[in-house]
Amino acid sequence: MSWPRNQSTAPGGGLSTASGGGLSTVTGGGMSTSSSNVYHSNIPPWPVFIQELQNRGMEEYVDLIRQYLG
């Protein structure tokens, strides 16, 4: 069973680029490098998470995440 928020592109979702989202680069986002308002996640480090998504055939999400990882 998965938690739908992790795959959500809505604000605050794990695949969201909006403030507070997992792919957001602003303070509080998952891709932020700020040391304040640190983003907390229940997913493993990005390389491990990407591998798991690939193992499950979820290439759409792998591609999206890789766009933001650079």
N, C-alpha and C. Protein backbone atom coordinates (compact mmCIF):
# COMPACT_ATOMS: atom_id res chain seq x y z
N MET A 1 0.85 -1.18 0.00
CA MET A 1 0.00 0.00 0.00
C MET A 1 0.89 1.24 0.00
N SER A 2 0.58 2.19 -0.85
CA SER A 2 1.38 3.41 -0.89
C SER A 2 0.55 4.58 -0.38
N TRP A 3 1.25 5.58 0.06
CA TRP A 3 0.59 6.79 0.53
C TRP A 3 0.46 7.72 -0.66
N PRO A 4 -0.76 8.03 -1.15
CA PRO A 4 -0.94 8.81 -2.37
C PRO A 4 -0.21 10.14 -2.39
N ARG A 5 -0.01 10.77 -1.22
CA ARG A 5 0.65 12.07 -1.19
C ARG A 5 2.05 11.99 -1.79
N ASN A 6 2.73 10.87 -1.64
CA ASN A 6 4.09 10.74 -2.15
C ASN A 6 4.15 10.89 -3.66
N GLN A 7 3.10 10.50 -4.36
CA GLN A 7 3.08 10.56 -5.81
C GLN A 7 2.32 11.79 -6.31
N SER A 8 1.89 12.63 -5.42
CA SER A 8 1.09 13.78 -5.79
C SER A 8 1.95 14.92 -6.35
N THR A 9 1.45 15.56 -7.40
CA THR A 9 2.10 16.75 -7.94
C THR A 9 1.42 18.01 -7.41
N ALA A 10 0.42 17.84 -6.54
CA ALA A 10 -0.25 18.98 -5.92
C ALA A 10 0.67 19.61 -4.87
N PRO A 11 0.44 20.88 -4.51
CA PRO A 11 1.30 21.53 -3.50
C PRO A 11 1.48 20.67 -2.25
N GLY A 12 2.73 20.50 -1.85
CA GLY A 12 3.05 19.69 -0.69
C GLY A 12 3.26 18.21 -0.99
N GLY A 13 2.95 17.80 -2.21
CA GLY A 13 3.10 16.40 -2.59
C GLY A 13 4.55 16.03 -2.86
N GLY A 14 4.83 14.77 -2.83
CA GLY A 14 6.19 14.30 -3.03
C GLY A 14 6.77 14.62 -4.39
N LEU A 15 5.92 14.74 -5.41
CA LEU A 15 6.39 15.07 -6.76
C LEU A 15 6.03 16.50 -7.16
N SER A 16 5.71 17.31 -6.18
CA SER A 16 5.33 18.70 -6.44
C SER A 16 6.56 19.61 -6.47
N THR A 17 6.54 20.56 -7.42
CA THR A 17 7.59 21.58 -7.48
C THR A 17 7.15 22.84 -6.74
N ALA A 18 5.92 22.85 -6.23
CA ALA A 18 5.42 24.00 -5.47
C ALA A 18 6.05 24.03 -4.08
N SER A 19 5.93 25.16 -3.42
CA SER A 19 6.50 25.33 -2.08
C SER A 19 6.11 24.18 -1.16
N GLY A 20 7.10 23.59 -0.50
CA GLY A 20 6.85 22.49 0.42
C GLY A 20 6.80 21.12 -0.23
N GLY A 21 6.86 21.08 -1.54
CA GLY A 21 6.81 19.80 -2.25
C GLY A 21 8.16 19.11 -2.30
N GLY A 22 8.14 17.86 -2.61
CA GLY A 22 9.36 17.07 -2.65
C GLY A 22 10.36 17.50 -3.70
N LEU A 23 9.90 18.11 -4.80
CA LEU A 23 10.79 18.55 -5.86
C LEU A 23 11.01 20.07 -5.85
N SER A 24 10.53 20.73 -4.83
CA SER A 24 10.68 22.18 -4.72
C SER A 24 12.09 22.55 -4.26
N THR A 25 12.66 23.60 -4.88
CA THR A 25 14.00 24.06 -4.51
C THR A 25 13.96 25.21 -3.51
N VAL A 26 12.77 25.73 -3.19
CA VAL A 26 12.67 26.81 -2.21
C VAL A 26 12.75 26.25 -0.80
N THR A 27 13.01 27.12 0.18
CA THR A 27 13.12 26.69 1.58
C THR A 27 11.91 25.85 1.98
N GLY A 28 12.17 24.71 2.57
CA GLY A 28 11.10 23.80 2.98
C GLY A 28 10.79 22.72 1.96
N GLY A 29 11.35 22.86 0.76
CA GLY A 29 11.14 21.87 -0.29
C GLY A 29 12.18 20.76 -0.23
N GLY A 30 11.87 19.66 -0.87
CA GLY A 30 12.74 18.50 -0.85
C GLY A 30 14.07 18.69 -1.55
N MET A 31 14.14 19.62 -2.50
CA MET A 31 15.39 19.86 -3.23
C MET A 31 16.09 21.12 -2.74
N SER A 32 15.61 21.70 -1.66
CA SER A 32 16.22 22.91 -1.11
C SER A 32 17.54 22.59 -0.43
N THR A 33 18.49 23.51 -0.54
CA THR A 33 19.78 23.34 0.14
C THR A 33 19.85 24.22 1.39
N SER A 34 18.74 24.83 1.76
CA SER A 34 18.68 25.69 2.94
C SER A 34 18.83 24.85 4.21
N SER A 35 19.46 25.43 5.22
CA SER A 35 19.61 24.72 6.50
C SER A 35 18.48 25.03 7.47
N SER A 36 17.57 25.92 7.07
CA SER A 36 16.42 26.22 7.93
C SER A 36 15.15 25.64 7.30
N ASN A 37 14.17 25.39 8.12
CA ASN A 37 12.90 24.81 7.67
C ASN A 37 13.16 23.58 6.79
N VAL A 38 13.90 22.64 7.33
CA VAL A 38 14.34 21.47 6.59
C VAL A 38 13.16 20.57 6.22
N TYR A 39 13.16 20.12 4.99
CA TYR A 39 12.12 19.21 4.48
C TYR A 39 12.31 17.83 5.10
N HIS A 40 11.23 17.23 5.57
CA HIS A 40 11.28 15.88 6.13
C HIS A 40 10.52 14.94 5.20
N SER A 41 11.12 13.82 4.91
CA SER A 41 10.53 12.89 3.97
C SER A 41 10.58 11.47 4.49
N ASN A 42 9.68 10.66 4.00
CA ASN A 42 9.70 9.25 4.38
C ASN A 42 10.21 8.38 3.24
N ILE A 43 10.92 8.98 2.29
CA ILE A 43 11.53 8.20 1.21
C ILE A 43 13.03 8.09 1.45
N PRO A 44 13.66 7.07 0.87
CA PRO A 44 15.11 6.91 1.04
C PRO A 44 15.87 7.95 0.21
N PRO A 45 17.20 7.94 0.28
CA PRO A 45 17.99 8.86 -0.55
C PRO A 45 17.61 8.72 -2.03
N TRP A 46 17.73 9.81 -2.78
CA TRP A 46 17.27 9.84 -4.17
C TRP A 46 17.75 8.66 -5.02
N PRO A 47 19.04 8.30 -5.01
CA PRO A 47 19.47 7.18 -5.86
C PRO A 47 18.75 5.86 -5.52
N VAL A 48 18.52 5.63 -4.25
CA VAL A 48 17.82 4.41 -3.81
C VAL A 48 16.36 4.47 -4.23
N PHE A 49 15.74 5.63 -4.05
CA PHE A 49 14.34 5.81 -4.41
C PHE A 49 14.14 5.64 -5.92
N ILE A 50 15.04 6.22 -6.71
CA ILE A 50 14.95 6.09 -8.17
C ILE A 50 15.05 4.63 -8.59
N GLN A 51 15.98 3.91 -7.99
CA GLN A 51 16.13 2.49 -8.32
C GLN A 51 14.86 1.71 -7.99
N GLU A 52 14.25 2.02 -6.86
CA GLU A 52 13.02 1.33 -6.48
C GLU A 52 11.88 1.67 -7.44
N LEU A 53 11.80 2.92 -7.87
CA LEU A 53 10.78 3.29 -8.85
C LEU A 53 11.00 2.53 -10.16
N GLN A 54 12.26 2.41 -10.58
CA GLN A 54 12.57 1.66 -11.80
C GLN A 54 12.18 0.19 -11.64
N ASN A 55 12.48 -0.38 -10.49
CA ASN A 55 12.13 -1.78 -10.23
C ASN A 55 10.62 -2.00 -10.34
N ARG A 56 9.85 -0.97 -10.04
CA ARG A 56 8.39 -1.07 -10.09
C ARG A 56 7.81 -0.61 -11.43
N GLY A 57 8.70 -0.27 -12.39
CA GLY A 57 8.24 0.14 -13.71
C GLY A 57 7.65 1.54 -13.76
N MET A 58 8.04 2.39 -12.83
CA MET A 58 7.47 3.74 -12.73
C MET A 58 8.39 4.77 -13.38
N GLU A 59 8.72 4.53 -14.66
CA GLU A 59 9.68 5.37 -15.39
C GLU A 59 9.24 6.83 -15.50
N GLU A 60 7.94 7.06 -15.56
CA GLU A 60 7.40 8.42 -15.64
C GLU A 60 7.91 9.26 -14.46
N TYR A 61 7.90 8.67 -13.27
CA TYR A 61 8.34 9.38 -12.07
C TYR A 61 9.86 9.47 -12.01
N VAL A 62 10.54 8.44 -12.49
CA VAL A 62 12.01 8.46 -12.55
C VAL A 62 12.46 9.63 -13.41
N ASP A 63 11.85 9.78 -14.59
CA ASP A 63 12.21 10.87 -15.49
C ASP A 63 11.95 12.23 -14.86
N LEU A 64 10.81 12.36 -14.20
CA LEU A 64 10.46 13.63 -13.56
C LEU A 64 11.47 14.00 -12.48
N ILE A 65 11.82 13.05 -11.63
CA ILE A 65 12.77 13.31 -10.56
C ILE A 65 14.14 13.65 -11.12
N ARG A 66 14.57 12.91 -12.13
CA ARG A 66 15.89 13.16 -12.73
C ARG A 66 15.99 14.55 -13.36
N GLN A 67 14.88 15.07 -13.86
CA GLN A 67 14.87 16.44 -14.41
C GLN A 67 15.32 17.44 -13.36
N TYR A 68 14.92 17.22 -12.13
CA TYR A 68 15.21 18.17 -11.06
C TYR A 68 16.51 17.87 -10.33
N LEU A 69 16.99 16.65 -10.43
CA LEU A 69 18.27 16.32 -9.80
C LEU A 69 19.44 16.83 -10.64
N GLY A 70 19.20 17.01 -11.93
CA GLY A 70 20.25 17.55 -12.81
C GLY A 70 21.13 16.57 -13.39
